[in-house]
Amino acid sequence: LLDFAEILLIDGNSTDSTLALAKQYNCNVIKQKDTDEKNIVIDNFSDVRNLGLRTAKFDWQLVIDSDEEVDKKLVNEIKEIVN
């Protein structure tokens, strides 16, 4: 994801190393909900997706979940399409 202009992390108050990694890579971290409850389970995926879309600085977004991965081939394909 480092190939992209902005990385947003919509976080559910993670207790693992997620926030440390986000800080290391200068990600913009946004809380899913205004609470200190740990490890929030998403009850409405649309709300979380829309929060990210409203927060994003750019018109084009690539949305991935924590169990997904973006390989170099996809990055190059996206760059070609955008250019």
Protein backbone atom coordinates (compact mmCIF):
# COMPACT_ATOMS: atom_id res chain seq x y z
CA LEU A 1 0.00 0.00 0.00
CA LEU A 2 2.99 2.28 0.31
CA ASP A 3 2.75 2.96 -3.43
CA PHE A 4 -0.43 4.97 -2.91
CA ALA A 5 -0.78 8.64 -1.96
CA GLU A 6 -2.84 8.05 1.17
CA ILE A 7 -3.39 5.13 3.50
CA LEU A 8 -6.39 5.23 5.81
CA LEU A 9 -6.83 2.67 8.57
CA ILE A 10 -10.37 2.42 9.90
CA ASP A 11 -9.60 0.82 13.25
CA GLY A 12 -11.81 -0.95 15.76
CA ASN A 13 -9.51 -0.20 18.72
CA SER A 14 -7.09 -2.99 17.89
CA THR A 15 -5.04 -4.54 20.68
CA ASP A 16 -2.43 -6.20 18.45
CA SER A 17 0.42 -4.45 16.58
CA THR A 18 -1.91 -2.79 14.04
CA LEU A 19 -1.59 0.74 15.42
CA ALA A 20 2.19 0.51 15.79
CA LEU A 21 2.47 -0.56 12.14
CA ALA A 22 0.12 2.22 11.08
CA LYS A 23 2.26 4.78 12.89
CA GLN A 24 5.45 3.35 11.36
CA TYR A 25 4.02 3.89 7.86
CA ASN A 26 2.33 7.24 8.57
CA CYS A 27 -1.19 5.91 8.04
CA ASN A 28 -4.13 8.10 8.90
CA VAL A 29 -5.94 6.15 11.66
CA ILE A 30 -9.66 6.70 12.09
CA LYS A 31 -11.69 5.09 14.85
CA GLN A 32 -14.65 3.01 13.68
CA LYS A 33 -16.69 4.23 16.62
CA ASP A 34 -16.26 6.90 19.28
CA THR A 35 -15.53 4.50 22.11
CA ASP A 36 -12.58 3.07 24.03
CA GLU A 37 -14.02 -0.47 23.90
CA LYS A 38 -11.31 -2.80 22.57
CA ASN A 39 -11.50 -4.96 19.42
CA ILE A 40 -14.82 -3.70 18.14
CA VAL A 41 -16.59 -6.13 15.85
CA ILE A 42 -18.01 -4.43 12.77
CA ASP A 43 -21.79 -4.59 12.90
CA ASN A 44 -22.35 -2.51 9.76
CA PHE A 45 -19.74 -2.77 7.02
CA SER A 46 -21.40 -0.04 4.96
CA ASP A 47 -20.98 2.49 7.78
CA VAL A 48 -17.28 1.66 8.10
CA ARG A 49 -16.71 1.82 4.33
CA ASN A 50 -18.58 5.13 4.08
CA LEU A 51 -16.52 6.58 6.94
CA GLY A 52 -13.38 5.83 4.95
CA LEU A 53 -14.82 7.26 1.74
CA ARG A 54 -15.89 10.48 3.50
CA THR A 55 -12.44 10.86 5.07
CA ALA A 56 -10.36 10.14 1.96
CA LYS A 57 -8.61 13.06 0.31
CA PHE A 58 -8.77 11.60 -3.20
CA ASP A 59 -11.55 10.66 -5.61
CA TRP A 60 -10.24 7.13 -6.26
CA GLN A 61 -10.08 4.62 -3.42
CA LEU A 62 -8.87 1.06 -3.11
CA VAL A 63 -10.55 -0.69 -0.20
CA ILE A 64 -8.99 -3.79 1.30
CA ASP A 65 -9.68 -5.71 4.48
CA SER A 66 -7.13 -6.88 7.03
CA ASP A 67 -7.08 -10.37 5.54
CA GLU A 68 -6.31 -9.15 2.01
CA GLU A 69 -3.08 -8.30 0.25
CA VAL A 70 -2.15 -6.07 -2.69
CA ASP A 71 0.61 -7.45 -4.90
CA LYS A 72 2.87 -5.45 -7.21
CA LYS A 73 0.97 -6.61 -10.31
CA LEU A 74 -2.25 -5.06 -8.99
CA VAL A 75 -0.45 -1.85 -8.01
CA ASN A 76 0.96 -1.54 -11.53
CA GLU A 77 -2.44 -2.24 -13.11
CA ILE A 78 -4.08 0.43 -10.96
CA LYS A 79 -1.37 2.95 -11.86
CA GLU A 80 -1.88 2.25 -15.57
CA ILE A 81 -5.64 2.73 -15.30
CA VAL A 82 -5.34 5.97 -13.31
CA ASN A 83 -2.72 7.41 -15.65
